[in-house]
Amino acid sequence: TLEGGEGTGKSTHAKLLTEALRDDGHVV
């Protein structure tokens, strides 16, 4: 999970983490 206040980048980091995990072969 990603937590934090409004505008801290949660959605952006979720997208980046998803991409990195998929690149590593995980289903996300």
mmCIF file of all heavy atoms, coordinates in Angstrom:
data_MODEL
# 
_entry.id   MODEL 
# 
loop_
_atom_site.group_PDB 
_atom_site.id 
_atom_site.type_symbol 
_atom_site.label_atom_id 
_atom_site.label_alt_id 
_atom_site.label_comp_id 
_atom_site.label_asym_id 
_atom_site.label_entity_id 
_atom_site.label_seq_id 
_atom_site.pdbx_PDB_ins_code 
_atom_site.Cartn_x 
_atom_site.Cartn_y 
_atom_site.Cartn_z 
_atom_site.occupancy 
_atom_site.B_iso_or_equiv 
_atom_site.pdbx_formal_charge 
_atom_site.auth_seq_id 
_atom_site.auth_comp_id 
_atom_site.auth_asym_id 
_atom_site.auth_atom_id 
_atom_site.pdbx_PDB_model_num 
ATOM 1   N N   . THR A 1 1  ? 0.841  -1.195  0.000   1.00 0.00 ? 1  THR A N   1 
ATOM 2   C CA  . THR A 1 1  ? 0.000  0.000   0.000   1.00 0.00 ? 1  THR A CA  1 
ATOM 3   C C   . THR A 1 1  ? 0.876  1.244   0.000   1.00 0.00 ? 1  THR A C   1 
ATOM 4   O O   . THR A 1 1  ? 1.984  1.239   0.538   1.00 0.00 ? 1  THR A O   1 
ATOM 5   C CB  . THR A 1 1  ? -0.948 0.030   1.212   1.00 0.00 ? 1  THR A CB  1 
ATOM 6   O OG1 . THR A 1 1  ? -0.186 0.057   2.419   1.00 0.00 ? 1  THR A OG1 1 
ATOM 7   C CG2 . THR A 1 1  ? -1.858 -1.191  1.233   1.00 0.00 ? 1  THR A CG2 1 
ATOM 8   N N   . LEU A 1 2  ? 0.348  2.299   -0.588  1.00 0.00 ? 2  LEU A N   1 
ATOM 9   C CA  . LEU A 1 2  ? 1.001  3.598   -0.571  1.00 0.00 ? 2  LEU A CA  1 
ATOM 10  C C   . LEU A 1 2  ? 0.072  4.566   0.146   1.00 0.00 ? 2  LEU A C   1 
ATOM 11  O O   . LEU A 1 2  ? -1.119 4.652   -0.177  1.00 0.00 ? 2  LEU A O   1 
ATOM 12  C CB  . LEU A 1 2  ? 1.286  4.096   -1.990  1.00 0.00 ? 2  LEU A CB  1 
ATOM 13  C CG  . LEU A 1 2  ? 2.415  3.335   -2.669  1.00 0.00 ? 2  LEU A CG  1 
ATOM 14  C CD1 . LEU A 1 2  ? 1.859  2.211   -3.515  1.00 0.00 ? 2  LEU A CD1 1 
ATOM 15  C CD2 . LEU A 1 2  ? 3.245  4.268   -3.504  1.00 0.00 ? 2  LEU A CD2 1 
ATOM 16  N N   . GLU A 1 3  ? 0.609  5.263   1.124   1.00 0.00 ? 3  GLU A N   1 
ATOM 17  C CA  . GLU A 1 3  ? -0.171 6.194   1.931   1.00 0.00 ? 3  GLU A CA  1 
ATOM 18  C C   . GLU A 1 3  ? 0.518  7.558   1.935   1.00 0.00 ? 3  GLU A C   1 
ATOM 19  O O   . GLU A 1 3  ? 1.729  7.645   1.732   1.00 0.00 ? 3  GLU A O   1 
ATOM 20  C CB  . GLU A 1 3  ? -0.296 5.690   3.376   1.00 0.00 ? 3  GLU A CB  1 
ATOM 21  C CG  . GLU A 1 3  ? -1.006 4.357   3.531   1.00 0.00 ? 3  GLU A CG  1 
ATOM 22  C CD  . GLU A 1 3  ? -2.517 4.455   3.458   1.00 0.00 ? 3  GLU A CD  1 
ATOM 23  O OE1 . GLU A 1 3  ? -3.067 5.549   3.226   1.00 0.00 ? 3  GLU A OE1 1 
ATOM 24  O OE2 . GLU A 1 3  ? -3.157 3.404   3.636   1.00 0.00 ? 3  GLU A OE2 1 
ATOM 25  N N   . GLY A 1 4  ? -0.253 8.577   2.202   1.00 0.00 ? 4  GLY A N   1 
ATOM 26  C CA  . GLY A 1 4  ? 0.292  9.917   2.304   1.00 0.00 ? 4  GLY A CA  1 
ATOM 27  C C   . GLY A 1 4  ? -0.786 10.937  2.000   1.00 0.00 ? 4  GLY A C   1 
ATOM 28  O O   . GLY A 1 4  ? -1.880 10.596  1.542   1.00 0.00 ? 4  GLY A O   1 
ATOM 29  N N   . GLY A 1 5  ? -0.462 12.176  2.239   1.00 0.00 ? 5  GLY A N   1 
ATOM 30  C CA  . GLY A 1 5  ? -1.414 13.254  2.016   1.00 0.00 ? 5  GLY A CA  1 
ATOM 31  C C   . GLY A 1 5  ? -1.687 13.482  0.541   1.00 0.00 ? 5  GLY A C   1 
ATOM 32  O O   . GLY A 1 5  ? -1.080 12.859  -0.333  1.00 0.00 ? 5  GLY A O   1 
ATOM 33  N N   . GLU A 1 6  ? -2.603 14.398  0.284   1.00 0.00 ? 6  GLU A N   1 
ATOM 34  C CA  . GLU A 1 6  ? -2.944 14.750  -1.095  1.00 0.00 ? 6  GLU A CA  1 
ATOM 35  C C   . GLU A 1 6  ? -1.728 15.340  -1.793  1.00 0.00 ? 6  GLU A C   1 
ATOM 36  O O   . GLU A 1 6  ? -1.002 16.138  -1.218  1.00 0.00 ? 6  GLU A O   1 
ATOM 37  C CB  . GLU A 1 6  ? -4.095 15.761  -1.113  1.00 0.00 ? 6  GLU A CB  1 
ATOM 38  C CG  . GLU A 1 6  ? -5.379 15.268  -0.464  1.00 0.00 ? 6  GLU A CG  1 
ATOM 39  C CD  . GLU A 1 6  ? -5.926 14.005  -1.111  1.00 0.00 ? 6  GLU A CD  1 
ATOM 40  O OE1 . GLU A 1 6  ? -5.895 13.893  -2.351  1.00 0.00 ? 6  GLU A OE1 1 
ATOM 41  O OE2 . GLU A 1 6  ? -6.373 13.118  -0.368  1.00 0.00 ? 6  GLU A OE2 1 
ATOM 42  N N   . GLY A 1 7  ? -1.501 14.921  -3.029  1.00 0.00 ? 7  GLY A N   1 
ATOM 43  C CA  . GLY A 1 7  ? -0.446 15.493  -3.838  1.00 0.00 ? 7  GLY A CA  1 
ATOM 44  C C   . GLY A 1 7  ? 0.960  15.041  -3.507  1.00 0.00 ? 7  GLY A C   1 
ATOM 45  O O   . GLY A 1 7  ? 1.932  15.670  -3.939  1.00 0.00 ? 7  GLY A O   1 
ATOM 46  N N   . THR A 1 8  ? 1.105  13.947  -2.758  1.00 0.00 ? 8  THR A N   1 
ATOM 47  C CA  . THR A 1 8  ? 2.447  13.486  -2.375  1.00 0.00 ? 8  THR A CA  1 
ATOM 48  C C   . THR A 1 8  ? 3.058  12.538  -3.399  1.00 0.00 ? 8  THR A C   1 
ATOM 49  O O   . THR A 1 8  ? 4.207  12.133  -3.237  1.00 0.00 ? 8  THR A O   1 
ATOM 50  C CB  . THR A 1 8  ? 2.432  12.802  -0.992  1.00 0.00 ? 8  THR A CB  1 
ATOM 51  O OG1 . THR A 1 8  ? 1.511  11.703  -1.028  1.00 0.00 ? 8  THR A OG1 1 
ATOM 52  C CG2 . THR A 1 8  ? 2.037  13.775  0.111   1.00 0.00 ? 8  THR A CG2 1 
ATOM 53  N N   . GLY A 1 9  ? 2.297  12.158  -4.412  1.00 0.00 ? 9  GLY A N   1 
ATOM 54  C CA  . GLY A 1 9  ? 2.835  11.285  -5.449  1.00 0.00 ? 9  GLY A CA  1 
ATOM 55  C C   . GLY A 1 9  ? 2.475  9.822   -5.315  1.00 0.00 ? 9  GLY A C   1 
ATOM 56  O O   . GLY A 1 9  ? 3.122  8.969   -5.944  1.00 0.00 ? 9  GLY A O   1 
ATOM 57  N N   . LYS A 1 10 ? 1.452  9.499   -4.544  1.00 0.00 ? 10 LYS A N   1 
ATOM 58  C CA  . LYS A 1 10 ? 1.070  8.092   -4.356  1.00 0.00 ? 10 LYS A CA  1 
ATOM 59  C C   . LYS A 1 10 ? 0.741  7.418   -5.686  1.00 0.00 ? 10 LYS A C   1 
ATOM 60  O O   . LYS A 1 10 ? 1.250  6.336   -5.977  1.00 0.00 ? 10 LYS A O   1 
ATOM 61  C CB  . LYS A 1 10 ? -0.129 7.981   -3.410  1.00 0.00 ? 10 LYS A CB  1 
ATOM 62  C CG  . LYS A 1 10 ? 0.154  8.386   -1.992  1.00 0.00 ? 10 LYS A CG  1 
ATOM 63  C CD  . LYS A 1 10 ? -1.093 8.319   -1.132  1.00 0.00 ? 10 LYS A CD  1 
ATOM 64  C CE  . LYS A 1 10 ? -2.233 9.190   -1.642  1.00 0.00 ? 10 LYS A CE  1 
ATOM 65  N NZ  . LYS A 1 10 ? -1.947 10.621  -1.749  1.00 0.00 ? 10 LYS A NZ  1 
ATOM 66  N N   . SER A 1 11 ? -0.092 8.051   -6.488  1.00 0.00 ? 11 SER A N   1 
ATOM 67  C CA  . SER A 1 11 ? -0.501 7.457   -7.772  1.00 0.00 ? 11 SER A CA  1 
ATOM 68  C C   . SER A 1 11 ? 0.688  7.303   -8.707  1.00 0.00 ? 11 SER A C   1 
ATOM 69  O O   . SER A 1 11 ? 0.838  6.277   -9.382  1.00 0.00 ? 11 SER A O   1 
ATOM 70  C CB  . SER A 1 11 ? -1.586 8.306   -8.438  1.00 0.00 ? 11 SER A CB  1 
ATOM 71  O OG  . SER A 1 11 ? -2.731 8.354   -7.614  1.00 0.00 ? 11 SER A OG  1 
ATOM 72  N N   . THR A 1 12 ? 1.541  8.300   -8.753  1.00 0.00 ? 12 THR A N   1 
ATOM 73  C CA  . THR A 1 12 ? 2.732  8.236   -9.601  1.00 0.00 ? 12 THR A CA  1 
ATOM 74  C C   . THR A 1 12 ? 3.644  7.098   -9.161  1.00 0.00 ? 12 THR A C   1 
ATOM 75  O O   . THR A 1 12 ? 4.119  6.304   -9.983  1.00 0.00 ? 12 THR A O   1 
ATOM 76  C CB  . THR A 1 12 ? 3.498  9.577   -9.550  1.00 0.00 ? 12 THR A CB  1 
ATOM 77  O OG1 . THR A 1 12 ? 2.633  10.602  -10.032 1.00 0.00 ? 12 THR A OG1 1 
ATOM 78  C CG2 . THR A 1 12 ? 4.777  9.522   -10.362 1.00 0.00 ? 12 THR A CG2 1 
ATOM 79  N N   . HIS A 1 13 ? 3.889  7.004   -7.863  1.00 0.00 ? 13 HIS A N   1 
ATOM 80  C CA  . HIS A 1 13 ? 4.767  5.937   -7.360  1.00 0.00 ? 13 HIS A CA  1 
ATOM 81  C C   . HIS A 1 13 ? 4.132  4.560   -7.510  1.00 0.00 ? 13 HIS A C   1 
ATOM 82  O O   . HIS A 1 13 ? 4.839  3.573   -7.742  1.00 0.00 ? 13 HIS A O   1 
ATOM 83  C CB  . HIS A 1 13 ? 5.176  6.217   -5.913  1.00 0.00 ? 13 HIS A CB  1 
ATOM 84  C CG  . HIS A 1 13 ? 6.236  7.258   -5.813  1.00 0.00 ? 13 HIS A CG  1 
ATOM 85  N ND1 . HIS A 1 13 ? 5.952  8.596   -5.786  1.00 0.00 ? 13 HIS A ND1 1 
ATOM 86  C CD2 . HIS A 1 13 ? 7.581  7.160   -5.779  1.00 0.00 ? 13 HIS A CD2 1 
ATOM 87  C CE1 . HIS A 1 13 ? 7.072  9.281   -5.721  1.00 0.00 ? 13 HIS A CE1 1 
ATOM 88  N NE2 . HIS A 1 13 ? 8.079  8.433   -5.720  1.00 0.00 ? 13 HIS A NE2 1 
ATOM 89  N N   . ALA A 1 14 ? 2.815  4.464   -7.379  1.00 0.00 ? 14 ALA A N   1 
ATOM 90  C CA  . ALA A 1 14 ? 2.136  3.187   -7.599  1.00 0.00 ? 14 ALA A CA  1 
ATOM 91  C C   . ALA A 1 14 ? 2.350  2.735   -9.043  1.00 0.00 ? 14 ALA A C   1 
ATOM 92  O O   . ALA A 1 14 ? 2.638  1.552   -9.301  1.00 0.00 ? 14 ALA A O   1 
ATOM 93  C CB  . ALA A 1 14 ? 0.652  3.305   -7.289  1.00 0.00 ? 14 ALA A CB  1 
ATOM 94  N N   . LYS A 1 15 ? 2.242  3.658   -9.973  1.00 0.00 ? 15 LYS A N   1 
ATOM 95  C CA  . LYS A 1 15 ? 2.453  3.340   -11.391 1.00 0.00 ? 15 LYS A CA  1 
ATOM 96  C C   . LYS A 1 15 ? 3.899  2.903   -11.631 1.00 0.00 ? 15 LYS A C   1 
ATOM 97  O O   . LYS A 1 15 ? 4.153  1.898   -12.308 1.00 0.00 ? 15 LYS A O   1 
ATOM 98  C CB  . LYS A 1 15 ? 2.116  4.549   -12.247 1.00 0.00 ? 15 LYS A CB  1 
ATOM 99  C CG  . LYS A 1 15 ? 2.298  4.326   -13.718 1.00 0.00 ? 15 LYS A CG  1 
ATOM 100 C CD  . LYS A 1 15 ? 1.967  5.575   -14.520 1.00 0.00 ? 15 LYS A CD  1 
ATOM 101 C CE  . LYS A 1 15 ? 2.267  5.329   -15.995 1.00 0.00 ? 15 LYS A CE  1 
ATOM 102 N NZ  . LYS A 1 15 ? 2.131  6.528   -16.798 1.00 0.00 ? 15 LYS A NZ  1 
ATOM 103 N N   . LEU A 1 16 ? 4.857  3.639   -11.075 1.00 0.00 ? 16 LEU A N   1 
ATOM 104 C CA  . LEU A 1 16 ? 6.271  3.293   -11.254 1.00 0.00 ? 16 LEU A CA  1 
ATOM 105 C C   . LEU A 1 16 ? 6.608  1.934   -10.632 1.00 0.00 ? 16 LEU A C   1 
ATOM 106 O O   . LEU A 1 16 ? 7.342  1.128   -11.227 1.00 0.00 ? 16 LEU A O   1 
ATOM 107 C CB  . LEU A 1 16 ? 7.162  4.384   -10.654 1.00 0.00 ? 16 LEU A CB  1 
ATOM 108 C CG  . LEU A 1 16 ? 7.128  5.738   -11.355 1.00 0.00 ? 16 LEU A CG  1 
ATOM 109 C CD1 . LEU A 1 16 ? 7.855  6.798   -10.521 1.00 0.00 ? 16 LEU A CD1 1 
ATOM 110 C CD2 . LEU A 1 16 ? 7.724  5.641   -12.752 1.00 0.00 ? 16 LEU A CD2 1 
ATOM 111 N N   . LEU A 1 17 ? 6.079  1.678   -9.443  1.00 0.00 ? 17 LEU A N   1 
ATOM 112 C CA  . LEU A 1 17 ? 6.314  0.401   -8.784  1.00 0.00 ? 17 LEU A CA  1 
ATOM 113 C C   . LEU A 1 17 ? 5.695  -0.741  -9.578  1.00 0.00 ? 17 LEU A C   1 
ATOM 114 O O   . LEU A 1 17 ? 6.311  -1.805  -9.751  1.00 0.00 ? 17 LEU A O   1 
ATOM 115 C CB  . LEU A 1 17 ? 5.760  0.440   -7.357  1.00 0.00 ? 17 LEU A CB  1 
ATOM 116 C CG  . LEU A 1 17 ? 5.931  -0.822  -6.519  1.00 0.00 ? 17 LEU A CG  1 
ATOM 117 C CD1 . LEU A 1 17 ? 7.402  -1.227  -6.419  1.00 0.00 ? 17 LEU A CD1 1 
ATOM 118 C CD2 . LEU A 1 17 ? 5.332  -0.595  -5.123  1.00 0.00 ? 17 LEU A CD2 1 
ATOM 119 N N   . THR A 1 18 ? 4.484  -0.528  -10.071 1.00 0.00 ? 18 THR A N   1 
ATOM 120 C CA  . THR A 1 18 ? 3.819  -1.536  -10.896 1.00 0.00 ? 18 THR A CA  1 
ATOM 121 C C   . THR A 1 18 ? 4.663  -1.865  -12.117 1.00 0.00 ? 18 THR A C   1 
ATOM 122 O O   . THR A 1 18 ? 4.883  -3.043  -12.439 1.00 0.00 ? 18 THR A O   1 
ATOM 123 C CB  . THR A 1 18 ? 2.423  -1.041  -11.323 1.00 0.00 ? 18 THR A CB  1 
ATOM 124 O OG1 . THR A 1 18 ? 1.612  -0.899  -10.154 1.00 0.00 ? 18 THR A OG1 1 
ATOM 125 C CG2 . THR A 1 18 ? 1.752  -2.010  -12.283 1.00 0.00 ? 18 THR A CG2 1 
ATOM 126 N N   . GLU A 1 19 ? 5.149  -0.843  -12.803 1.00 0.00 ? 19 GLU A N   1 
ATOM 127 C CA  . GLU A 1 19 ? 5.974  -1.058  -13.998 1.00 0.00 ? 19 GLU A CA  1 
ATOM 128 C C   . GLU A 1 19 ? 7.253  -1.831  -13.654 1.00 0.00 ? 19 GLU A C   1 
ATOM 129 O O   . GLU A 1 19 ? 7.641  -2.756  -14.376 1.00 0.00 ? 19 GLU A O   1 
ATOM 130 C CB  . GLU A 1 19 ? 6.319  0.276   -14.649 1.00 0.00 ? 19 GLU A CB  1 
ATOM 131 C CG  . GLU A 1 19 ? 5.129  0.953   -15.294 1.00 0.00 ? 19 GLU A CG  1 
ATOM 132 C CD  . GLU A 1 19 ? 5.410  2.386   -15.732 1.00 0.00 ? 19 GLU A CD  1 
ATOM 133 O OE1 . GLU A 1 19 ? 6.550  2.888   -15.554 1.00 0.00 ? 19 GLU A OE1 1 
ATOM 134 O OE2 . GLU A 1 19 ? 4.460  3.025   -16.246 1.00 0.00 ? 19 GLU A OE2 1 
ATOM 135 N N   . ALA A 1 20 ? 7.905  -1.463  -12.552 1.00 0.00 ? 20 ALA A N   1 
ATOM 136 C CA  . ALA A 1 20 ? 9.155  -2.142  -12.157 1.00 0.00 ? 20 ALA A CA  1 
ATOM 137 C C   . ALA A 1 20 ? 8.897  -3.604  -11.827 1.00 0.00 ? 20 ALA A C   1 
ATOM 138 O O   . ALA A 1 20 ? 9.677  -4.486  -12.224 1.00 0.00 ? 20 ALA A O   1 
ATOM 139 C CB  . ALA A 1 20 ? 9.784  -1.420  -10.965 1.00 0.00 ? 20 ALA A CB  1 
ATOM 140 N N   . LEU A 1 21 ? 7.811  -3.876  -11.105 1.00 0.00 ? 21 LEU A N   1 
ATOM 141 C CA  . LEU A 1 21 ? 7.500  -5.264  -10.749 1.00 0.00 ? 21 LEU A CA  1 
ATOM 142 C C   . LEU A 1 21 ? 7.128  -6.083  -11.981 1.00 0.00 ? 21 LEU A C   1 
ATOM 143 O O   . LEU A 1 21 ? 7.508  -7.249  -12.100 1.00 0.00 ? 21 LEU A O   1 
ATOM 144 C CB  . LEU A 1 21 ? 6.385  -5.304  -9.707  1.00 0.00 ? 21 LEU A CB  1 
ATOM 145 C CG  . LEU A 1 21 ? 6.787  -4.845  -8.306  1.00 0.00 ? 21 LEU A CG  1 
ATOM 146 C CD1 . LEU A 1 21 ? 5.562  -4.633  -7.434  1.00 0.00 ? 21 LEU A CD1 1 
ATOM 147 C CD2 . LEU A 1 21 ? 7.746  -5.845  -7.666  1.00 0.00 ? 21 LEU A CD2 1 
ATOM 148 N N   . ARG A 1 22 ? 6.390  -5.481  -12.908 1.00 0.00 ? 22 ARG A N   1 
ATOM 149 C CA  . ARG A 1 22 ? 6.048  -6.191  -14.145 1.00 0.00 ? 22 ARG A CA  1 
ATOM 150 C C   . ARG A 1 22 ? 7.299  -6.468  -14.963 1.00 0.00 ? 22 ARG A C   1 
ATOM 151 O O   . ARG A 1 22 ? 7.435  -7.549  -15.538 1.00 0.00 ? 22 ARG A O   1 
ATOM 152 C CB  . ARG A 1 22 ? 5.031  -5.385  -14.949 1.00 0.00 ? 22 ARG A CB  1 
ATOM 153 C CG  . ARG A 1 22 ? 3.638  -5.470  -14.362 1.00 0.00 ? 22 ARG A CG  1 
ATOM 154 C CD  . ARG A 1 22 ? 2.616  -4.728  -15.172 1.00 0.00 ? 22 ARG A CD  1 
ATOM 155 N NE  . ARG A 1 22 ? 1.294  -4.902  -14.560 1.00 0.00 ? 22 ARG A NE  1 
ATOM 156 C CZ  . ARG A 1 22 ? 0.319  -4.018  -14.631 1.00 0.00 ? 22 ARG A CZ  1 
ATOM 157 N NH1 . ARG A 1 22 ? 0.476  -2.893  -15.328 1.00 0.00 ? 22 ARG A NH1 1 
ATOM 158 N NH2 . ARG A 1 22 ? -0.827 -4.247  -14.038 1.00 0.00 ? 22 ARG A NH2 1 
ATOM 159 N N   . ASP A 1 23 ? 8.204  -5.497  -15.012 1.00 0.00 ? 23 ASP A N   1 
ATOM 160 C CA  . ASP A 1 23 ? 9.473  -5.704  -15.721 1.00 0.00 ? 23 ASP A CA  1 
ATOM 161 C C   . ASP A 1 23 ? 10.270 -6.852  -15.107 1.00 0.00 ? 23 ASP A C   1 
ATOM 162 O O   . ASP A 1 23 ? 11.057 -7.505  -15.794 1.00 0.00 ? 23 ASP A O   1 
ATOM 163 C CB  . ASP A 1 23 ? 10.324 -4.422  -15.702 1.00 0.00 ? 23 ASP A CB  1 
ATOM 164 C CG  . ASP A 1 23 ? 9.781  -3.331  -16.610 1.00 0.00 ? 23 ASP A CG  1 
ATOM 165 O OD1 . ASP A 1 23 ? 8.889  -3.617  -17.446 1.00 0.00 ? 23 ASP A OD1 1 
ATOM 166 O OD2 . ASP A 1 23 ? 10.240 -2.174  -16.477 1.00 0.00 ? 23 ASP A OD2 1 
ATOM 167 N N   . ASP A 1 24 ? 10.052 -7.085  -13.812 1.00 0.00 ? 24 ASP A N   1 
ATOM 168 C CA  . ASP A 1 24 ? 10.732 -8.166  -13.104 1.00 0.00 ? 24 ASP A CA  1 
ATOM 169 C C   . ASP A 1 24 ? 9.983  -9.499  -13.230 1.00 0.00 ? 24 ASP A C   1 
ATOM 170 O O   . ASP A 1 24 ? 10.364 -10.482 -12.605 1.00 0.00 ? 24 ASP A O   1 
ATOM 171 C CB  . ASP A 1 24 ? 10.903 -7.768  -11.631 1.00 0.00 ? 24 ASP A CB  1 
ATOM 172 C CG  . ASP A 1 24 ? 12.018 -8.509  -10.938 1.00 0.00 ? 24 ASP A CG  1 
ATOM 173 O OD1 . ASP A 1 24 ? 13.026 -8.843  -11.596 1.00 0.00 ? 24 ASP A OD1 1 
ATOM 174 O OD2 . ASP A 1 24 ? 11.881 -8.762  -9.723  1.00 0.00 ? 24 ASP A OD2 1 
ATOM 175 N N   . GLY A 1 25 ? 8.880  -9.506  -13.997 1.00 0.00 ? 25 GLY A N   1 
ATOM 176 C CA  . GLY A 1 25 ? 8.163  -10.741 -14.266 1.00 0.00 ? 25 GLY A CA  1 
ATOM 177 C C   . GLY A 1 25 ? 6.961  -11.028 -13.388 1.00 0.00 ? 25 GLY A C   1 
ATOM 178 O O   . GLY A 1 25 ? 6.380  -12.110 -13.489 1.00 0.00 ? 25 GLY A O   1 
ATOM 179 N N   . HIS A 1 26 ? 6.565  -10.092 -12.536 1.00 0.00 ? 26 HIS A N   1 
ATOM 180 C CA  . HIS A 1 26 ? 5.420  -10.306 -11.654 1.00 0.00 ? 26 HIS A CA  1 
ATOM 181 C C   . HIS A 1 26 ? 4.114  -9.877  -12.331 1.00 0.00 ? 26 HIS A C   1 
ATOM 182 O O   . HIS A 1 26 ? 4.108  -8.935  -13.119 1.00 0.00 ? 26 HIS A O   1 
ATOM 183 C CB  . HIS A 1 26 ? 5.574  -9.520  -10.354 1.00 0.00 ? 26 HIS A CB  1 
ATOM 184 C CG  . HIS A 1 26 ? 6.763  -9.937  -9.554  1.00 0.00 ? 26 HIS A CG  1 
ATOM 185 N ND1 . HIS A 1 26 ? 6.792  -11.091 -8.805  1.00 0.00 ? 26 HIS A ND1 1 
ATOM 186 C CD2 . HIS A 1 26 ? 7.988  -9.367  -9.405  1.00 0.00 ? 26 HIS A CD2 1 
ATOM 187 C CE1 . HIS A 1 26 ? 7.971  -11.212 -8.218  1.00 0.00 ? 26 HIS A CE1 1 
ATOM 188 N NE2 . HIS A 1 26 ? 8.724  -10.171 -8.569  1.00 0.00 ? 26 HIS A NE2 1 
ATOM 189 N N   . VAL A 1 27 ? 3.048  -10.561 -11.979 1.00 0.00 ? 27 VAL A N   1 
ATOM 190 C CA  . VAL A 1 27 ? 1.711  -10.113 -12.358 1.00 0.00 ? 27 VAL A CA  1 
ATOM 191 C C   . VAL A 1 27 ? 1.269  -9.150  -11.272 1.00 0.00 ? 27 VAL A C   1 
ATOM 192 O O   . VAL A 1 27 ? 1.305  -9.490  -10.079 1.00 0.00 ? 27 VAL A O   1 
ATOM 193 C CB  . VAL A 1 27 ? 0.725  -11.294 -12.477 1.00 0.00 ? 27 VAL A CB  1 
ATOM 194 C CG1 . VAL A 1 27 ? -0.679 -10.791 -12.767 1.00 0.00 ? 27 VAL A CG1 1 
ATOM 195 C CG2 . VAL A 1 27 ? 1.193  -12.276 -13.544 1.00 0.00 ? 27 VAL A CG2 1 
ATOM 196 N N   . VAL A 1 28 ? 0.864  -7.945  -11.666 1.00 0.00 ? 28 VAL A N   1 
ATOM 197 C CA  . VAL A 1 28 ? 0.551  -6.898  -10.695 1.00 0.00 ? 28 VAL A CA  1 
ATOM 198 C C   . VAL A 1 28 ? -0.845 -6.347  -10.955 1.00 0.00 ? 28 VAL A C   1 
ATOM 199 O O   . VAL A 1 28 ? -1.196 -6.028  -12.096 1.00 0.00 ? 28 VAL A O   1 
ATOM 200 C CB  . VAL A 1 28 ? 1.578  -5.739  -10.766 1.00 0.00 ? 28 VAL A CB  1 
ATOM 201 C CG1 . VAL A 1 28 ? 1.267  -4.680  -9.715  1.00 0.00 ? 28 VAL A CG1 1 
ATOM 202 C CG2 . VAL A 1 28 ? 2.998  -6.263  -10.599 1.00 0.00 ? 28 VAL A CG2 1 
# 
